[in-house]
Protein backbone atom coordinates (compact mmCIF):
# COMPACT_ATOMS: atom_id res chain seq x y z
CA MET A 1 -88.85 64.97 13.91
CA PRO A 2 -88.86 63.58 10.51
CA ARG A 3 -86.41 60.58 9.67
CA PRO A 4 -83.36 61.33 7.26
CA ARG A 5 -84.17 59.44 3.78
CA SER A 6 -80.74 57.70 4.12
CA LEU A 7 -77.74 57.62 6.37
CA THR A 8 -74.18 56.70 5.70
CA SER A 9 -71.70 54.22 7.48
CA PRO A 10 -69.28 57.49 7.95
CA ALA A 11 -72.23 59.43 9.66
CA ILE A 12 -73.68 56.19 11.98
CA ALA A 13 -69.85 55.62 13.07
CA ALA A 14 -69.17 59.62 13.72
CA ALA A 15 -72.56 59.23 15.78
CA ALA A 16 -71.09 56.14 17.70
CA ILE A 17 -68.02 58.03 18.43
CA ALA A 18 -70.04 60.83 20.02
CA VAL A 19 -71.50 58.32 22.28
CA LEU A 20 -68.24 56.84 23.16
CA ASP A 21 -66.66 60.16 24.02
CA ARG A 22 -69.45 61.34 26.17
CA ASP A 23 -70.81 58.15 27.78
CA GLY A 24 -67.75 55.68 27.49
CA LEU A 25 -68.16 52.27 26.37
CA SER A 26 -70.82 50.95 28.61
CA GLY A 27 -72.84 53.93 26.87
CA LEU A 28 -72.83 52.60 23.67
CA THR A 29 -75.99 51.18 22.63
CA MET A 30 -78.01 50.83 19.30
CA ARG A 31 -80.42 53.13 21.26
CA ALA A 32 -77.83 55.85 22.08
CA VAL A 33 -76.49 55.85 18.68
CA ALA A 34 -80.29 56.16 17.35
CA LYS A 35 -81.06 58.97 19.82
CA GLU A 36 -77.64 60.76 18.71
CA LEU A 37 -78.95 60.56 15.13
CA ARG A 38 -82.35 61.45 16.00
CA ILE A 39 -83.80 58.66 14.60
CA ALA A 40 -85.89 55.45 16.31
CA THR A 41 -83.68 52.72 17.33
CA MET A 42 -85.71 50.37 14.97
CA GLY A 43 -84.58 52.81 12.15
CA LEU A 44 -81.01 52.03 12.96
CA TYR A 45 -81.36 48.49 12.44
CA ARG A 46 -82.29 49.11 8.70
CA TYR A 47 -78.55 50.19 8.32
CA VAL A 48 -76.73 48.27 10.98
CA ALA A 49 -77.53 44.49 12.07
CA ASP A 50 -76.47 44.54 15.62
CA ARG A 51 -73.82 46.40 17.91
CA ASP A 52 -71.00 44.16 16.77
CA GLU A 53 -71.31 45.50 13.37
CA LEU A 54 -71.77 49.19 14.63
CA GLU A 55 -68.44 48.38 16.50
CA VAL A 56 -66.56 47.38 13.26
CA LEU A 57 -67.99 50.33 11.57
CA VAL A 58 -66.22 52.55 14.47
CA VAL A 59 -62.84 50.81 14.24
CA ASP A 60 -63.07 51.30 10.37
CA HIS A 61 -64.01 54.85 10.70
CA LEU A 62 -61.37 55.86 13.46
CA LEU A 63 -58.64 53.92 11.21
CA ALA A 64 -59.26 54.84 7.65
CA THR A 65 -57.52 58.04 7.98
CA ILE A 66 -54.26 56.35 8.71
CA ASP A 67 -51.52 57.25 6.31
CA LEU A 68 -50.28 53.67 4.76
CA THR A 69 -47.83 55.02 2.54
CA PRO A 70 -44.30 53.49 3.73
CA PRO A 71 -41.89 56.14 5.14
CA THR A 72 -39.19 56.60 2.64
CA ASP A 73 -36.28 55.64 5.47
CA PRO A 74 -34.18 52.92 4.26
CA ASN A 75 -34.29 51.49 7.85
CA TRP A 76 -37.01 48.88 8.23
CA ARG A 77 -37.10 49.45 11.72
CA ALA A 78 -37.60 53.24 11.30
CA ARG A 79 -40.55 52.53 8.79
CA ILE A 80 -42.40 50.03 11.12
CA THR A 81 -41.91 52.37 14.14
CA ALA A 82 -43.68 55.09 11.98
CA LEU A 83 -46.84 52.75 11.04
CA LEU A 84 -47.20 51.70 14.44
CA ASP A 85 -47.02 55.45 15.73
CA ARG A 86 -49.82 56.14 13.20
CA MET A 87 -52.02 53.44 14.51
CA ARG A 88 -51.22 54.42 18.27
CA THR A 89 -52.36 57.90 17.32
CA ALA A 90 -55.44 57.09 15.59
CA ALA A 91 -56.69 54.70 18.25
CA SER A 92 -55.69 57.16 20.79
CA ALA A 93 -57.81 60.06 19.61
CA HIS A 94 -60.77 58.25 21.22
CA PRO A 95 -59.63 56.30 24.25
CA ALA A 96 -63.03 54.68 24.75
CA ALA A 97 -62.91 53.05 21.65
CA VAL A 98 -59.49 51.54 22.23
CA PRO A 99 -61.07 48.16 23.41
CA LEU A 100 -63.06 48.08 20.00
CA VAL A 101 -59.82 48.62 18.13
CA VAL A 102 -58.37 45.71 19.92
CA ARG A 103 -61.23 43.50 19.44
CA HIS A 104 -62.06 44.25 15.95
CA ARG A 105 -58.44 44.51 14.31
CA GLN A 106 -59.04 41.52 12.32
CA SER A 107 -62.66 42.43 10.99
CA SER A 108 -62.03 46.40 9.91
CA PRO A 109 -61.28 46.68 6.52
CA ALA A 110 -58.95 49.79 7.65
CA SER A 111 -57.14 47.57 9.94
CA LEU A 112 -56.61 44.80 7.79
CA ARG A 113 -55.07 47.30 5.23
CA TRP A 114 -52.89 48.62 8.17
CA ILE A 115 -51.68 44.88 8.69
CA GLU A 116 -50.95 44.60 4.93
CA ALA A 117 -48.71 47.59 4.91
CA MET A 118 -46.86 46.27 7.96
CA LEU A 119 -46.43 42.91 6.67
CA THR A 120 -44.85 44.51 3.27
CA ILE A 121 -42.48 46.54 5.43
CA LEU A 122 -41.51 43.10 7.09
CA THR A 123 -41.30 41.41 3.80
CA ASP A 124 -38.88 43.76 2.25
CA ALA A 125 -36.85 43.30 5.37
CA GLY A 126 -36.24 40.15 4.67
CA PHE A 127 -38.89 38.48 7.18
CA SER A 128 -40.68 35.21 5.57
CA GLY A 129 -42.53 32.34 6.68
CA PRO A 130 -42.93 31.42 10.57
CA SER A 131 -40.51 34.34 11.21
CA ARG A 132 -42.76 36.90 9.63
CA VAL A 133 -45.94 35.42 11.39
CA LEU A 134 -44.13 35.69 14.73
CA ALA A 135 -42.75 39.26 13.83
CA GLN A 136 -46.01 40.52 12.94
CA ARG A 137 -47.73 39.12 15.93
CA THR A 138 -44.91 40.31 18.37
CA LEU A 139 -45.26 44.08 17.03
CA MET A 140 -48.99 43.47 17.24
CA ALA A 141 -49.22 42.44 21.01
CA PHE A 142 -46.61 45.14 21.79
CA LEU A 143 -49.07 47.65 20.07
CA VAL A 144 -52.40 46.57 21.80
CA GLY A 145 -50.72 46.04 25.31
CA HIS A 146 -49.40 49.64 24.87
CA LEU A 147 -52.56 50.85 24.01
CA GLN A 148 -54.31 49.02 26.84
CA ASN A 149 -51.60 50.14 29.46
CA GLU A 150 -51.88 53.97 28.03
CA HIS A 151 -55.16 54.23 28.66
CA TYR A 152 -56.38 52.04 31.32
CA GLY A 153 -53.38 51.91 33.46
CA PRO A 154 -51.05 54.43 32.94
CA LEU A 155 -47.52 55.10 34.66
CA SER A 156 -48.90 58.33 35.74
CA GLY A 157 -51.95 56.92 37.15
CA PRO A 158 -52.89 55.90 40.57
CA GLY A 159 -51.81 52.28 40.42
CA THR A 160 -48.15 53.45 40.10
CA THR A 161 -48.34 55.81 43.02
CA THR A 162 -49.97 52.88 45.08
CA MET A 163 -46.88 50.82 44.52
CA THR A 164 -44.63 53.76 45.30
CA GLN A 165 -46.08 53.83 48.58
CA LEU A 166 -45.54 50.19 49.68
CA PRO A 167 -43.09 49.12 52.10
CA PRO A 168 -39.79 49.27 50.75
CA THR A 169 -38.72 46.50 53.12
CA THR A 170 -40.86 44.07 51.75
CA TYR A 171 -40.83 45.62 47.92
CA PRO A 172 -37.61 47.56 47.40
CA LEU A 173 -37.29 46.76 43.86
CA LEU A 174 -40.94 47.27 43.06
CA THR A 175 -41.33 50.78 45.12
CA GLU A 176 -37.87 51.82 43.41
CA THR A 177 -39.16 50.84 39.78
CA ALA A 178 -42.48 52.75 40.48
CA THR A 179 -40.96 55.89 41.56
CA GLU A 180 -38.89 55.82 38.37
CA ALA A 181 -41.84 55.05 36.32
CA GLN A 182 -43.80 58.08 37.46
CA ASN A 183 -41.29 60.17 35.53
CA ILE A 184 -41.85 58.49 32.12
CA ASP A 185 -44.50 59.74 29.80
CA SER A 186 -46.71 57.47 27.74
CA THR A 187 -44.76 58.69 24.08
CA THR A 188 -41.36 57.80 25.67
CA GLU A 189 -42.74 54.55 27.00
CA PHE A 190 -44.13 53.68 23.58
CA ARG A 191 -40.98 54.71 21.60
CA LEU A 192 -38.46 53.00 23.91
CA GLY A 193 -40.34 50.06 24.50
CA LEU A 194 -40.78 49.66 20.56
CA GLU A 195 -36.81 49.71 20.46
CA ILE A 196 -36.54 46.97 22.77
CA VAL A 197 -38.78 44.95 20.54
CA LEU A 198 -37.43 45.75 17.32
CA ARG A 199 -33.60 45.08 18.63
CA GLY A 200 -35.04 41.69 19.57
CA LEU A 201 -36.71 41.14 16.18
CA SER A 202 -33.32 42.13 14.44
């Protein structure tokens, strides 16, 4: 089959995401993406130096559509919540790519623009110096942790079910908490958890 004259970064990223959706993170290889594009593996290296660069393309493609316009709500906590929710939605559209978003958040231009938008909101709220550094890192840690929990250890998952079946005489609080946790959906977990973090920052 004839090789296309040229490939664009979005086309390569879209092919990589198709591989991720179908085969998972372990299936993301230069060979698999080249096959998805219907070109020889060596042909892909004309556009992407290695898998690391391919992963950054994927992250940038996933996050490029995030609306960075700050919400008009005067409450900075509401504005931060909206921005974090947009990142969560974009990253969660392709769960197999979540580890890549975590890994390359400091390399993807789209991710860097999102962080700049978050820092702008924090600055407008009066954060500066070390307090702004720690506020941003704390919010990022919450988001990264939530994404990993939501997609790789959800409250509705078998791990929680296993904990509900532990002997309550030995683990009274753990079994009670796990039973309650089964009734909390991921969106509620995200929003209420973030409220706790934001109250602390305030």
